[in-house]
C-alpha cells in the first residue's frame, strides 16, 4: 500500500469512528491550558486534572502566578512528575508572559518557545488547541502509533522528523484533530505494552499488526521488527 493511501484510509477510519477528539486536560483559558500542558510532561492527564483546580484557584492568571515564589507553587503540584523543575518553569513562564506579552499567551511557535519550560511539543499543542493552527505536537503516543501503523518509517527517529512527515501527508484542516486521534488511540488502544490489537479497527492498515500476525503464524520467525516497532 502506498503511503498516501495508508494516510487516507487511516484518517477516514478516524473521521468515522472518532468524529470528536479533543484534549483531556481541563482548562478554561489559554493560560490554564499552557499550565496544564507544561504539567503533563511525563505525567498523566488524569493526575494533572486532579492538581490544577487548586492551582488555578490560587493563581487564576499569569499575573498572580508571576508574583508567586517557586516554594509557594511547589505544594500545589507536588504529586506530578518532576515538581521542583515544573514549579520553577511555571513561575518563570508566568513572569515572562507578564514582562513580554502583557500576561497573554502568544500565538506563534517562535514566541511560545521563549517561555521557560515550553518546548516545541507544548508550543504546538497551544497553537493547535487554542488557536486552531495546523500544528502537530508529537508526544510518545503520536510517535509510537505513527510508526506502528506505518504512517512514518523507521527513518523518522525524532519527534521533529515525525512531525514533518505527518504534516506532509495530513490535510491542513485535519491536522489539529489528527493530533488528538493519534494520542487517544495510543492512550486507549495502541498502548506501548499489551496493545489491544484484537479490538483495533485499523488492523488491516497496521504494519505492526501485520508483523505480529506473521510472528504468531510462524513462531520461529524473527521478532526483531515487532520488538523494534513496539517502542
N, C-alpha and C. Protein backbone atom coordinates (compact mmCIF):
# COMPACT_ATOMS: atom_id res chain seq x y z
N UNK A 1 0.84 -1.19 0.00
CA UNK A 1 0.00 0.00 0.00
C UNK A 1 0.88 1.25 0.00
N UNK A 2 0.58 2.17 -0.90
CA UNK A 2 1.34 3.42 -0.94
C UNK A 2 1.04 4.26 0.30
N UNK A 3 2.03 5.07 0.67
CA UNK A 3 1.91 5.88 1.89
C UNK A 3 0.69 6.80 1.84
N UNK A 4 0.47 7.44 0.70
CA UNK A 4 -0.66 8.36 0.58
C UNK A 4 -1.97 7.64 0.85
N UNK A 5 -2.11 6.43 0.31
CA UNK A 5 -3.33 5.65 0.52
C UNK A 5 -3.47 5.24 1.98
N UNK A 6 -2.35 4.89 2.61
CA UNK A 6 -2.40 4.50 4.03
C UNK A 6 -2.88 5.67 4.89
N UNK A 7 -2.38 6.85 4.60
CA UNK A 7 -2.83 8.04 5.33
C UNK A 7 -4.33 8.26 5.10
N UNK A 8 -4.75 8.22 3.85
CA UNK A 8 -6.15 8.49 3.53
C UNK A 8 -7.08 7.51 4.24
N UNK A 9 -6.74 6.24 4.21
CA UNK A 9 -7.59 5.23 4.84
C UNK A 9 -7.59 5.36 6.36
N UNK A 10 -6.44 5.68 6.93
CA UNK A 10 -6.35 5.86 8.38
C UNK A 10 -7.18 7.05 8.84
N UNK A 11 -7.03 8.16 8.15
CA UNK A 11 -7.78 9.36 8.51
C UNK A 11 -9.28 9.15 8.33
N UNK A 12 -9.67 8.46 7.28
CA UNK A 12 -11.09 8.18 7.06
C UNK A 12 -11.67 7.33 8.17
N UNK A 13 -10.88 6.34 8.64
CA UNK A 13 -11.36 5.50 9.75
C UNK A 13 -11.60 6.35 11.00
N UNK A 14 -10.65 7.23 11.30
CA UNK A 14 -10.81 8.09 12.47
C UNK A 14 -12.00 9.04 12.31
N UNK A 15 -12.18 9.59 11.12
CA UNK A 15 -13.32 10.50 10.90
C UNK A 15 -14.64 9.80 11.20
N UNK A 16 -14.73 8.55 10.83
CA UNK A 16 -15.97 7.79 11.02
C UNK A 16 -16.14 7.33 12.47
N UNK A 17 -15.08 6.83 13.05
CA UNK A 17 -15.18 6.18 14.35
C UNK A 17 -14.84 7.08 15.54
N UNK A 18 -14.17 8.19 15.29
CA UNK A 18 -13.90 9.14 16.37
C UNK A 18 -14.07 10.56 15.84
N UNK A 19 -15.31 10.93 15.50
CA UNK A 19 -15.54 12.26 14.90
C UNK A 19 -15.23 13.41 15.85
N UNK A 20 -15.31 13.14 17.15
CA UNK A 20 -14.97 14.16 18.14
C UNK A 20 -13.74 13.69 18.91
N UNK A 21 -12.69 14.48 18.87
CA UNK A 21 -11.47 14.16 19.59
C UNK A 21 -10.84 15.47 20.06
N UNK A 22 -10.59 15.57 21.34
CA UNK A 22 -10.05 16.80 21.90
C UNK A 22 -9.20 16.49 23.11
N UNK A 23 -8.49 17.49 23.59
CA UNK A 23 -7.63 17.29 24.74
C UNK A 23 -8.44 16.84 25.96
N UNK A 24 -7.85 15.99 26.77
CA UNK A 24 -8.50 15.55 28.01
C UNK A 24 -8.07 16.39 29.21
N UNK A 25 -7.23 17.36 28.98
CA UNK A 25 -6.86 18.29 30.04
C UNK A 25 -7.99 19.28 30.27
N UNK A 26 -8.25 19.59 31.53
CA UNK A 26 -9.31 20.53 31.87
C UNK A 26 -8.73 21.95 31.92
N UNK A 27 -9.39 22.85 31.22
CA UNK A 27 -8.92 24.24 31.20
C UNK A 27 -10.06 25.15 30.76
N UNK A 28 -9.92 26.42 31.06
CA UNK A 28 -10.92 27.42 30.65
C UNK A 28 -10.32 28.54 29.82
N UNK A 29 -9.04 28.78 29.97
CA UNK A 29 -8.37 29.88 29.28
C UNK A 29 -7.07 29.37 28.66
N UNK A 30 -6.52 30.13 27.71
CA UNK A 30 -5.22 29.74 27.15
C UNK A 30 -4.14 29.60 28.22
N UNK A 31 -4.15 30.49 29.19
CA UNK A 31 -3.19 30.41 30.30
C UNK A 31 -3.33 29.08 31.04
N UNK A 32 -4.56 28.68 31.35
CA UNK A 32 -4.76 27.44 32.07
C UNK A 32 -4.31 26.23 31.24
N UNK A 33 -4.57 26.26 29.94
CA UNK A 33 -4.12 25.14 29.11
C UNK A 33 -2.60 25.08 29.07
N UNK A 34 -1.96 26.23 28.96
CA UNK A 34 -0.50 26.25 28.94
C UNK A 34 0.07 25.64 30.22
N UNK A 35 -0.47 26.02 31.34
CA UNK A 35 -0.02 25.47 32.62
C UNK A 35 -0.26 23.96 32.65
N UNK A 36 -1.43 23.52 32.24
CA UNK A 36 -1.77 22.10 32.27
C UNK A 36 -0.86 21.28 31.36
N UNK A 37 -0.58 21.80 30.17
CA UNK A 37 0.28 21.07 29.23
C UNK A 37 1.70 21.00 29.78
N UNK A 38 2.18 22.06 30.39
CA UNK A 38 3.51 22.02 31.00
C UNK A 38 3.57 20.98 32.11
N UNK A 39 2.52 20.87 32.89
CA UNK A 39 2.48 19.88 33.97
C UNK A 39 2.36 18.46 33.45
N UNK A 40 1.81 18.30 32.25
CA UNK A 40 1.52 16.96 31.73
C UNK A 40 2.75 16.25 31.17
N UNK A 41 3.87 16.93 31.07
CA UNK A 41 5.08 16.29 30.55
C UNK A 41 5.46 15.10 31.44
N UNK A 42 5.53 13.92 30.84
CA UNK A 42 5.85 12.67 31.55
C UNK A 42 4.93 12.46 32.76
N UNK A 43 3.69 12.87 32.60
CA UNK A 43 2.68 12.70 33.65
C UNK A 43 1.33 12.51 32.97
N UNK A 44 0.42 11.82 33.62
CA UNK A 44 -0.88 11.56 33.01
C UNK A 44 -1.79 12.78 33.09
N UNK A 45 -2.67 12.91 32.11
CA UNK A 45 -3.66 13.99 32.14
C UNK A 45 -4.56 13.86 33.36
N UNK A 46 -4.85 12.62 33.75
CA UNK A 46 -5.70 12.39 34.92
C UNK A 46 -5.08 13.01 36.16
N UNK A 47 -3.80 12.79 36.36
CA UNK A 47 -3.11 13.36 37.52
C UNK A 47 -3.10 14.88 37.45
N UNK A 48 -2.83 15.42 36.27
CA UNK A 48 -2.79 16.88 36.10
C UNK A 48 -4.16 17.48 36.43
N UNK A 49 -5.23 16.83 35.99
CA UNK A 49 -6.58 17.35 36.25
C UNK A 49 -6.94 17.32 37.72
N UNK A 50 -6.28 16.48 38.49
CA UNK A 50 -6.51 16.46 39.94
C UNK A 50 -5.80 17.62 40.62
N UNK A 51 -4.72 18.06 40.02
CA UNK A 51 -3.87 19.09 40.62
C UNK A 51 -4.31 20.51 40.27
N UNK A 52 -4.74 20.71 39.04
CA UNK A 52 -4.94 22.08 38.55
C UNK A 52 -6.09 22.87 39.20
N UNK A 53 -7.20 22.26 39.66
CA UNK A 53 -8.25 23.11 40.25
C UNK A 53 -7.74 23.98 41.39
N UNK A 54 -7.01 23.41 42.32
CA UNK A 54 -6.50 24.19 43.44
C UNK A 54 -5.44 25.17 42.98
N UNK A 55 -4.62 24.75 42.02
CA UNK A 55 -3.58 25.63 41.49
C UNK A 55 -4.19 26.84 40.80
N UNK A 56 -5.21 26.61 39.99
CA UNK A 56 -5.86 27.71 39.27
C UNK A 56 -6.65 28.61 40.22
N UNK A 57 -7.16 28.04 41.27
CA UNK A 57 -7.86 28.85 42.27
C UNK A 57 -6.90 29.80 42.96
N UNK A 58 -5.68 29.32 43.24
CA UNK A 58 -4.68 30.15 43.90
C UNK A 58 -4.04 31.14 42.94
N UNK A 59 -3.85 30.70 41.69
CA UNK A 59 -3.18 31.53 40.68
C UNK A 59 -4.02 31.53 39.41
N UNK A 60 -5.06 32.34 39.36
CA UNK A 60 -6.03 32.30 38.25
C UNK A 60 -5.52 32.88 36.93
N UNK A 61 -4.41 33.59 36.96
CA UNK A 61 -3.89 34.16 35.72
C UNK A 61 -2.38 34.32 35.84
N UNK A 62 -1.77 34.75 34.75
CA UNK A 62 -0.31 34.86 34.72
C UNK A 62 0.19 35.89 35.73
N UNK A 63 -0.56 36.96 35.90
CA UNK A 63 -0.14 38.00 36.84
C UNK A 63 -0.03 37.45 38.26
N UNK A 64 -0.99 36.65 38.66
CA UNK A 64 -0.98 36.08 40.01
C UNK A 64 0.17 35.08 40.16
N UNK A 65 0.37 34.25 39.16
CA UNK A 65 1.43 33.25 39.23
C UNK A 65 2.81 33.90 39.20
N UNK A 66 2.92 35.00 38.47
CA UNK A 66 4.21 35.70 38.37
C UNK A 66 4.66 36.26 39.71
N UNK A 67 3.72 36.53 40.59
CA UNK A 67 4.05 37.09 41.91
C UNK A 67 4.43 36.02 42.92
N UNK A 68 4.20 34.76 42.56
CA UNK A 68 4.46 33.66 43.49
C UNK A 68 5.92 33.25 43.44
N UNK A 69 6.35 32.59 44.49
CA UNK A 69 7.69 32.00 44.52
C UNK A 69 7.59 30.54 44.14
N UNK A 70 8.70 29.96 43.76
CA UNK A 70 8.73 28.54 43.43
C UNK A 70 8.29 27.70 44.64
N UNK A 71 8.72 28.13 45.80
CA UNK A 71 8.38 27.40 47.03
C UNK A 71 6.87 27.45 47.31
N UNK A 72 6.22 28.52 46.93
CA UNK A 72 4.78 28.62 47.13
C UNK A 72 4.00 27.76 46.14
N UNK A 73 4.50 27.62 44.94
CA UNK A 73 3.81 26.83 43.91
C UNK A 73 4.00 25.33 44.13
N UNK A 74 5.16 24.95 44.62
CA UNK A 74 5.50 23.53 44.74
C UNK A 74 4.44 22.68 45.43
N UNK A 75 3.87 23.09 46.58
CA UNK A 75 2.90 22.22 47.26
C UNK A 75 1.68 21.88 46.41
N UNK A 76 1.31 22.75 45.50
CA UNK A 76 0.14 22.50 44.66
C UNK A 76 0.40 21.41 43.62
N UNK A 77 1.66 21.24 43.25
CA UNK A 77 1.96 20.30 42.16
C UNK A 77 2.90 19.18 42.61
N UNK A 78 3.03 18.98 43.90
CA UNK A 78 4.00 18.01 44.41
C UNK A 78 3.73 16.59 43.91
N UNK A 79 2.49 16.29 43.53
CA UNK A 79 2.16 14.92 43.13
C UNK A 79 2.41 14.63 41.65
N UNK A 80 2.79 15.65 40.86
CA UNK A 80 3.09 15.40 39.45
C UNK A 80 4.56 15.02 39.33
N UNK A 81 4.96 14.57 38.16
CA UNK A 81 6.36 14.23 37.95
C UNK A 81 7.23 15.49 37.92
N UNK A 82 8.42 15.39 38.45
CA UNK A 82 9.39 16.48 38.47
C UNK A 82 8.81 17.80 38.97
N UNK A 83 8.22 17.79 40.15
CA UNK A 83 7.54 19.01 40.64
C UNK A 83 8.47 20.20 40.88
N UNK A 84 9.72 19.93 41.27
CA UNK A 84 10.64 21.05 41.51
C UNK A 84 10.92 21.82 40.23
N UNK A 85 11.26 21.09 39.18
CA UNK A 85 11.54 21.74 37.90
C UNK A 85 10.31 22.42 37.34
N UNK A 86 9.17 21.75 37.46
CA UNK A 86 7.94 22.32 36.89
C UNK A 86 7.49 23.56 37.65
N UNK A 87 7.67 23.58 38.94
CA UNK A 87 7.32 24.78 39.72
C UNK A 87 8.17 25.96 39.26
N UNK A 88 9.46 25.72 39.05
CA UNK A 88 10.35 26.79 38.59
C UNK A 88 9.96 27.25 37.19
N UNK A 89 9.63 26.30 36.32
CA UNK A 89 9.25 26.66 34.96
C UNK A 89 7.94 27.44 34.93
N UNK A 90 6.98 27.04 35.76
CA UNK A 90 5.69 27.74 35.78
C UNK A 90 5.86 29.19 36.22
N UNK A 91 6.63 29.41 37.26
CA UNK A 91 6.84 30.78 37.75
C UNK A 91 7.60 31.59 36.70
N UNK A 92 8.63 30.99 36.13
CA UNK A 92 9.41 31.68 35.10
C UNK A 92 8.57 31.99 33.88
N UNK A 93 7.72 31.04 33.48
CA UNK A 93 6.82 31.25 32.34
C UNK A 93 5.88 32.42 32.60
N UNK A 94 5.27 32.44 33.78
CA UNK A 94 4.31 33.49 34.11
C UNK A 94 4.97 34.87 34.13
N UNK A 95 6.16 34.93 34.68
CA UNK A 95 6.86 36.23 34.75
C UNK A 95 7.21 36.74 33.36
N UNK A 96 7.61 35.84 32.47
CA UNK A 96 7.93 36.28 31.11
C UNK A 96 6.67 36.65 30.34
N UNK A 97 5.56 35.93 30.61
CA UNK A 97 4.29 36.30 29.98
C UNK A 97 3.92 37.73 30.35
N UNK A 98 4.10 38.07 31.61
CA UNK A 98 3.74 39.41 32.07
C UNK A 98 4.70 40.45 31.50
N UNK A 99 5.99 40.14 31.54
CA UNK A 99 7.00 41.11 31.13
C UNK A 99 7.00 41.35 29.62
N UNK A 100 6.80 40.29 28.85
CA UNK A 100 6.99 40.40 27.40
C UNK A 100 5.69 40.36 26.60
N UNK A 101 4.64 39.73 27.17
CA UNK A 101 3.42 39.52 26.39
C UNK A 101 2.16 40.04 27.09
N UNK A 102 2.33 40.95 28.02
CA UNK A 102 1.20 41.56 28.72
C UNK A 102 0.30 40.53 29.39
N UNK A 103 0.88 39.42 29.79
CA UNK A 103 0.12 38.40 30.51
C UNK A 103 -0.70 37.49 29.63
N UNK A 104 -0.61 37.67 28.31
CA UNK A 104 -1.40 36.87 27.37
C UNK A 104 -0.53 35.80 26.71
N UNK A 105 -1.11 34.63 26.49
CA UNK A 105 -0.38 33.54 25.83
C UNK A 105 -0.21 33.89 24.36
N UNK A 106 1.01 33.90 23.85
CA UNK A 106 1.24 34.25 22.45
C UNK A 106 0.78 33.15 21.49
N UNK A 107 0.68 33.50 20.22
CA UNK A 107 0.14 32.58 19.22
C UNK A 107 1.20 31.81 18.44
N UNK A 108 2.39 32.36 18.31
CA UNK A 108 3.35 31.76 17.40
C UNK A 108 4.32 30.81 18.10
N UNK A 109 4.83 29.87 17.33
CA UNK A 109 5.82 28.93 17.85
C UNK A 109 7.05 29.67 18.36
N UNK A 110 7.51 30.65 17.58
CA UNK A 110 8.71 31.38 17.93
C UNK A 110 8.57 32.10 19.27
N UNK A 111 7.38 32.63 19.54
CA UNK A 111 7.15 33.33 20.81
C UNK A 111 6.95 32.34 21.96
N UNK A 112 6.22 31.29 21.70
CA UNK A 112 5.92 30.32 22.77
C UNK A 112 7.17 29.64 23.31
N UNK A 113 8.09 29.27 22.42
CA UNK A 113 9.27 28.54 22.89
C UNK A 113 10.25 29.44 23.63
N UNK A 114 9.98 30.73 23.68
CA UNK A 114 10.79 31.62 24.51
C UNK A 114 10.48 31.44 25.99
N UNK A 115 9.31 30.88 26.28
CA UNK A 115 8.87 30.75 27.66
C UNK A 115 9.57 29.59 28.35
N UNK A 116 10.03 29.76 29.59
CA UNK A 116 10.69 28.68 30.32
C UNK A 116 9.79 27.43 30.41
N UNK A 117 10.36 26.27 30.13
CA UNK A 117 9.61 25.03 30.22
C UNK A 117 8.72 24.73 29.03
N UNK A 118 8.76 25.58 28.01
CA UNK A 118 7.91 25.37 26.83
C UNK A 118 8.79 24.99 25.64
N UNK A 119 8.68 23.73 25.21
CA UNK A 119 9.40 23.26 24.04
C UNK A 119 8.48 23.22 22.84
N UNK A 120 8.97 22.65 21.77
CA UNK A 120 8.21 22.62 20.53
C UNK A 120 6.89 21.87 20.68
N UNK A 121 6.91 20.73 21.40
CA UNK A 121 5.69 19.94 21.56
C UNK A 121 4.60 20.75 22.28
N UNK A 122 4.96 21.35 23.40
CA UNK A 122 3.98 22.16 24.15
C UNK A 122 3.49 23.33 23.31
N UNK A 123 4.40 23.98 22.62
CA UNK A 123 4.02 25.11 21.78
C UNK A 123 3.04 24.68 20.68
N UNK A 124 3.27 23.52 20.11
CA UNK A 124 2.37 23.04 19.06
C UNK A 124 0.99 22.69 19.61
N UNK A 125 0.94 22.17 20.83
CA UNK A 125 -0.37 21.90 21.45
C UNK A 125 -1.14 23.20 21.60
N UNK A 126 -0.49 24.23 22.11
CA UNK A 126 -1.15 25.52 22.32
C UNK A 126 -1.60 26.11 20.98
N UNK A 127 -0.74 26.06 19.98
CA UNK A 127 -1.11 26.59 18.67
C UNK A 127 -2.33 25.86 18.10
N UNK A 128 -2.34 24.55 18.27
CA UNK A 128 -3.41 23.74 17.70
C UNK A 128 -4.71 23.89 18.47
N UNK A 129 -4.65 23.70 19.78
CA UNK A 129 -5.87 23.66 20.59
C UNK A 129 -6.46 25.05 20.80
N UNK A 130 -5.62 26.00 21.11
CA UNK A 130 -6.12 27.35 21.41
C UNK A 130 -6.41 28.14 20.13
N UNK A 131 -5.46 28.09 19.18
CA UNK A 131 -5.57 28.97 18.02
C UNK A 131 -6.01 28.25 16.76
N UNK A 132 -6.21 26.93 16.84
CA UNK A 132 -6.69 26.18 15.69
C UNK A 132 -5.73 26.10 14.53
N UNK A 133 -4.44 26.23 14.81
CA UNK A 133 -3.44 26.19 13.76
C UNK A 133 -3.08 24.75 13.38
N UNK A 134 -2.55 24.59 12.18
CA UNK A 134 -2.17 23.26 11.69
C UNK A 134 -0.80 22.89 12.25
N UNK A 135 -0.76 22.68 13.57
CA UNK A 135 0.48 22.33 14.25
C UNK A 135 0.32 20.92 14.83
N UNK A 136 1.30 20.07 14.60
CA UNK A 136 1.25 18.68 15.04
C UNK A 136 2.22 18.46 16.19
N UNK A 137 1.69 18.30 17.39
CA UNK A 137 2.51 18.01 18.56
C UNK A 137 2.78 16.51 18.61
N UNK A 138 4.04 16.14 18.65
CA UNK A 138 4.41 14.72 18.65
C UNK A 138 4.88 14.32 20.04
N UNK A 139 3.99 13.64 20.77
CA UNK A 139 4.37 13.08 22.07
C UNK A 139 4.67 11.60 21.88
N UNK A 140 4.84 10.87 22.97
CA UNK A 140 5.19 9.45 22.85
C UNK A 140 4.09 8.65 22.17
N UNK A 141 2.82 9.02 22.39
CA UNK A 141 1.71 8.29 21.77
C UNK A 141 1.71 8.51 20.25
N UNK A 142 1.82 9.75 19.83
CA UNK A 142 1.82 10.07 18.40
C UNK A 142 3.02 9.40 17.73
N UNK A 143 4.16 9.45 18.37
CA UNK A 143 5.38 8.85 17.83
C UNK A 143 5.19 7.34 17.65
N UNK A 144 4.67 6.68 18.67
CA UNK A 144 4.51 5.22 18.63
C UNK A 144 3.46 4.79 17.61
N UNK A 145 2.28 5.40 17.66
CA UNK A 145 1.19 5.00 16.78
C UNK A 145 1.54 5.26 15.32
N UNK A 146 2.18 6.38 15.05
CA UNK A 146 2.56 6.71 13.68
C UNK A 146 3.50 5.66 13.09
N UNK A 147 4.44 5.20 13.90
CA UNK A 147 5.36 4.17 13.44
C UNK A 147 4.66 2.82 13.29
N UNK A 148 3.83 2.48 14.24
CA UNK A 148 3.19 1.17 14.20
C UNK A 148 2.26 1.02 12.99
N UNK A 149 1.45 2.01 12.77
CA UNK A 149 0.53 1.94 11.63
C UNK A 149 1.30 1.94 10.32
N UNK A 150 2.43 2.66 10.31
CA UNK A 150 3.22 2.76 9.09
C UNK A 150 3.05 4.11 8.41
N UNK A 151 2.53 5.09 9.15
CA UNK A 151 2.41 6.44 8.60
C UNK A 151 3.79 7.07 8.42
N UNK A 152 4.71 6.70 9.29
CA UNK A 152 6.10 7.15 9.15
C UNK A 152 6.99 5.91 9.17
N UNK A 153 8.17 6.04 8.62
CA UNK A 153 9.08 4.90 8.53
C UNK A 153 10.07 4.93 9.69
N UNK A 154 10.85 3.87 9.78
CA UNK A 154 11.87 3.79 10.83
C UNK A 154 12.96 4.83 10.64
N UNK A 155 13.01 5.47 9.48
CA UNK A 155 13.99 6.53 9.26
C UNK A 155 13.64 7.79 10.05
N UNK A 156 12.36 7.93 10.38
CA UNK A 156 11.94 9.08 11.19
C UNK A 156 12.16 8.73 12.67
N UNK A 157 13.31 9.11 13.19
CA UNK A 157 13.71 8.69 14.53
C UNK A 157 13.58 9.78 15.59
N UNK A 158 13.15 10.96 15.20
CA UNK A 158 12.99 12.06 16.15
C UNK A 158 11.57 12.61 16.08
N UNK A 159 11.09 13.23 17.15
CA UNK A 159 9.76 13.85 17.10
C UNK A 159 9.62 14.86 15.97
N UNK A 160 10.68 15.63 15.71
CA UNK A 160 10.59 16.64 14.65
C UNK A 160 10.45 15.99 13.27
N UNK A 161 11.19 14.92 13.03
CA UNK A 161 11.08 14.26 11.72
C UNK A 161 9.71 13.61 11.55
N UNK A 162 9.15 13.08 12.64
CA UNK A 162 7.80 12.51 12.59
C UNK A 162 6.79 13.62 12.33
N UNK A 163 6.94 14.74 13.02
CA UNK A 163 6.05 15.89 12.83
C UNK A 163 6.03 16.33 11.37
N UNK A 164 7.20 16.46 10.77
CA UNK A 164 7.29 16.91 9.38
C UNK A 164 6.63 15.93 8.42
N UNK A 165 6.81 14.62 8.69
CA UNK A 165 6.23 13.61 7.80
C UNK A 165 4.71 13.61 7.92
N UNK A 166 4.18 13.73 9.13
CA UNK A 166 2.73 13.74 9.32
C UNK A 166 2.11 14.97 8.66
N UNK A 167 2.73 16.12 8.85
CA UNK A 167 2.20 17.35 8.27
C UNK A 167 2.23 17.30 6.74
N UNK A 168 3.20 16.59 6.21
CA UNK A 168 3.34 16.47 4.76
C UNK A 168 2.15 15.74 4.13
N UNK A 169 1.60 14.75 4.84
CA UNK A 169 0.56 13.90 4.25
C UNK A 169 -0.85 14.15 4.81
N UNK A 170 -0.97 14.77 5.97
CA UNK A 170 -2.29 15.03 6.54
C UNK A 170 -2.81 16.37 6.04
N UNK A 171 -4.01 16.43 5.51
CA UNK A 171 -4.58 17.71 5.05
C UNK A 171 -4.54 18.75 6.17
N UNK A 172 -4.23 19.96 5.83
CA UNK A 172 -4.05 21.01 6.83
C UNK A 172 -5.25 21.14 7.77
N UNK A 173 -6.46 21.03 7.22
CA UNK A 173 -7.67 21.17 8.04
C UNK A 173 -7.81 20.05 9.06
N UNK A 174 -7.19 18.90 8.80
CA UNK A 174 -7.31 17.75 9.69
C UNK A 174 -6.22 17.67 10.74
N UNK A 175 -5.17 18.46 10.60
CA UNK A 175 -4.02 18.32 11.49
C UNK A 175 -4.38 18.53 12.97
N UNK A 176 -5.16 19.56 13.34
CA UNK A 176 -5.47 19.73 14.76
C UNK A 176 -6.18 18.53 15.38
N UNK A 177 -7.17 17.96 14.70
CA UNK A 177 -7.88 16.82 15.28
C UNK A 177 -7.08 15.53 15.10
N UNK A 178 -6.27 15.43 14.06
CA UNK A 178 -5.45 14.23 13.86
C UNK A 178 -4.47 14.06 15.01
N UNK A 179 -3.98 15.14 15.55
CA UNK A 179 -3.11 15.10 16.74
C UNK A 179 -3.82 14.35 17.87
N UNK A 180 -5.08 14.67 18.10
CA UNK A 180 -5.84 14.01 19.17
C UNK A 180 -6.23 12.58 18.80
N UNK A 181 -6.52 12.35 17.53
CA UNK A 181 -6.82 10.98 17.10
C UNK A 181 -5.68 10.04 17.45
N UNK A 182 -4.47 10.45 17.12
CA UNK A 182 -3.31 9.59 17.35
C UNK A 182 -3.01 9.45 18.84
N UNK A 183 -3.14 10.54 19.60
CA UNK A 183 -2.89 10.48 21.04
C UNK A 183 -3.89 9.54 21.72
N UNK A 184 -5.16 9.73 21.45
CA UNK A 184 -6.19 8.93 22.12
C UNK A 184 -6.11 7.47 21.70
N UNK A 185 -5.76 7.22 20.45
CA UNK A 185 -5.60 5.83 20.00
C UNK A 185 -4.43 5.18 20.74
N UNK A 186 -3.37 5.94 20.93
CA UNK A 186 -2.22 5.41 21.65
C UNK A 186 -2.48 5.24 23.13
N UNK A 187 -3.32 6.08 23.66
CA UNK A 187 -3.60 6.04 25.10
C UNK A 187 -4.54 4.89 25.48
N UNK A 188 -5.51 4.58 24.61
CA UNK A 188 -6.54 3.62 24.99
C UNK A 188 -6.58 2.34 24.17
N UNK A 189 -5.91 2.32 23.02
CA UNK A 189 -5.92 1.11 22.18
C UNK A 189 -4.50 0.63 21.90
N UNK A 190 -3.71 1.49 21.31
CA UNK A 190 -2.37 1.10 20.86
C UNK A 190 -1.33 1.47 21.91
N UNK A 191 -1.48 0.91 23.12
CA UNK A 191 -0.56 1.22 24.20
C UNK A 191 0.82 0.64 23.94
N UNK A 192 1.81 1.18 24.65
CA UNK A 192 3.18 0.72 24.46
C UNK A 192 3.30 -0.75 24.81
N UNK A 193 2.69 -1.14 25.92
CA UNK A 193 2.71 -2.54 26.34
C UNK A 193 1.31 -3.13 26.21
N UNK A 194 1.25 -4.32 25.70
CA UNK A 194 -0.02 -5.04 25.55
C UNK A 194 -1.09 -4.22 24.82
N UNK A 195 -0.80 -3.78 23.61
CA UNK A 195 -1.81 -3.04 22.83
C UNK A 195 -3.02 -3.92 22.54
N UNK A 196 -4.19 -3.29 22.45
CA UNK A 196 -5.44 -4.02 22.20
C UNK A 196 -5.64 -4.23 20.70
N UNK A 197 -4.73 -4.94 20.09
CA UNK A 197 -4.80 -5.16 18.64
C UNK A 197 -6.09 -5.87 18.24
N UNK A 198 -6.58 -6.75 19.11
CA UNK A 198 -7.79 -7.51 18.79
C UNK A 198 -9.02 -6.62 18.72
N UNK A 199 -8.95 -5.43 19.33
CA UNK A 199 -10.09 -4.52 19.34
C UNK A 199 -9.88 -3.32 18.41
N UNK A 200 -8.77 -3.32 17.69
CA UNK A 200 -8.42 -2.16 16.88
C UNK A 200 -9.01 -2.25 15.48
N UNK A 201 -9.66 -1.20 15.05
CA UNK A 201 -10.27 -1.18 13.72
C UNK A 201 -9.29 -0.87 12.61
N UNK A 202 -8.02 -0.65 12.97
CA UNK A 202 -7.02 -0.32 11.95
C UNK A 202 -6.12 -1.50 11.62
N UNK A 203 -6.54 -2.70 12.01
CA UNK A 203 -5.71 -3.89 11.78
C UNK A 203 -5.30 -4.04 10.32
N UNK A 204 -6.24 -3.83 9.43
CA UNK A 204 -5.96 -4.07 8.01
C UNK A 204 -4.98 -3.05 7.42
N UNK A 205 -4.71 -1.98 8.16
CA UNK A 205 -3.76 -0.97 7.69
C UNK A 205 -2.44 -1.00 8.45
N UNK A 206 -2.43 -1.67 9.59
CA UNK A 206 -1.33 -1.55 10.55
C UNK A 206 -0.17 -2.48 10.24
N UNK A 207 1.01 -1.91 10.09
CA UNK A 207 2.20 -2.71 9.83
C UNK A 207 2.61 -3.50 11.06
N UNK A 208 2.41 -2.93 12.23
CA UNK A 208 2.74 -3.65 13.47
C UNK A 208 1.88 -4.90 13.60
N UNK A 209 0.57 -4.78 13.31
CA UNK A 209 -0.32 -5.94 13.38
C UNK A 209 0.08 -6.98 12.34
N UNK A 210 0.44 -6.56 11.16
CA UNK A 210 0.83 -7.50 10.10
C UNK A 210 2.05 -8.30 10.53
N UNK A 211 3.00 -7.62 11.17
CA UNK A 211 4.20 -8.31 11.64
C UNK A 211 3.87 -9.23 12.81
N UNK A 212 3.01 -8.75 13.71
CA UNK A 212 2.61 -9.55 14.87
C UNK A 212 1.86 -10.80 14.42
N UNK A 213 0.98 -10.63 13.44
CA UNK A 213 0.22 -11.77 12.93
C UNK A 213 1.16 -12.78 12.25
N UNK A 214 2.15 -12.27 11.56
CA UNK A 214 3.12 -13.13 10.90
C UNK A 214 3.91 -13.93 11.93
N UNK A 215 4.31 -13.28 13.02
CA UNK A 215 5.06 -13.96 14.08
C UNK A 215 4.20 -15.03 14.73
N UNK A 216 2.91 -14.72 14.95
CA UNK A 216 2.01 -15.70 15.58
C UNK A 216 1.83 -16.93 14.70
N UNK A 217 1.80 -16.72 13.38
CA UNK A 217 1.60 -17.83 12.46
C UNK A 217 2.89 -18.63 12.27
N UNK A 218 4.02 -17.93 12.43
CA UNK A 218 5.32 -18.57 12.25
C UNK A 218 6.19 -18.24 13.46
N UNK A 219 5.95 -18.89 14.59
CA UNK A 219 6.62 -18.53 15.84
C UNK A 219 8.13 -18.61 15.81
N UNK A 220 8.69 -19.32 14.86
CA UNK A 220 10.14 -19.42 14.79
C UNK A 220 10.78 -18.33 13.94
N UNK A 221 9.92 -17.48 13.36
CA UNK A 221 10.45 -16.40 12.53
C UNK A 221 11.00 -15.28 13.40
N UNK A 222 11.73 -14.37 12.78
CA UNK A 222 12.38 -13.29 13.53
C UNK A 222 11.35 -12.35 14.13
N UNK A 223 11.62 -11.94 15.38
CA UNK A 223 10.73 -10.99 16.06
C UNK A 223 11.38 -9.61 16.19
N UNK A 224 12.47 -9.41 15.48
CA UNK A 224 13.19 -8.15 15.62
C UNK A 224 12.36 -6.94 15.25
N UNK A 225 11.65 -7.03 14.11
CA UNK A 225 10.86 -5.88 13.67
C UNK A 225 9.73 -5.58 14.63
N UNK A 226 9.10 -6.62 15.17
CA UNK A 226 7.99 -6.43 16.10
C UNK A 226 8.48 -5.75 17.36
N UNK A 227 9.62 -6.20 17.88
CA UNK A 227 10.18 -5.59 19.09
C UNK A 227 10.56 -4.14 18.85
N UNK A 228 11.16 -3.87 17.68
CA UNK A 228 11.57 -2.51 17.34
C UNK A 228 10.39 -1.57 17.25
N UNK A 229 9.29 -2.05 16.66
CA UNK A 229 8.12 -1.19 16.47
C UNK A 229 7.27 -1.04 17.72
N UNK A 230 7.52 -1.85 18.74
CA UNK A 230 6.75 -1.74 19.98
C UNK A 230 7.05 -0.43 20.68
N UNK A 231 8.30 0.03 20.59
CA UNK A 231 8.72 1.32 21.14
C UNK A 231 8.15 1.56 22.53
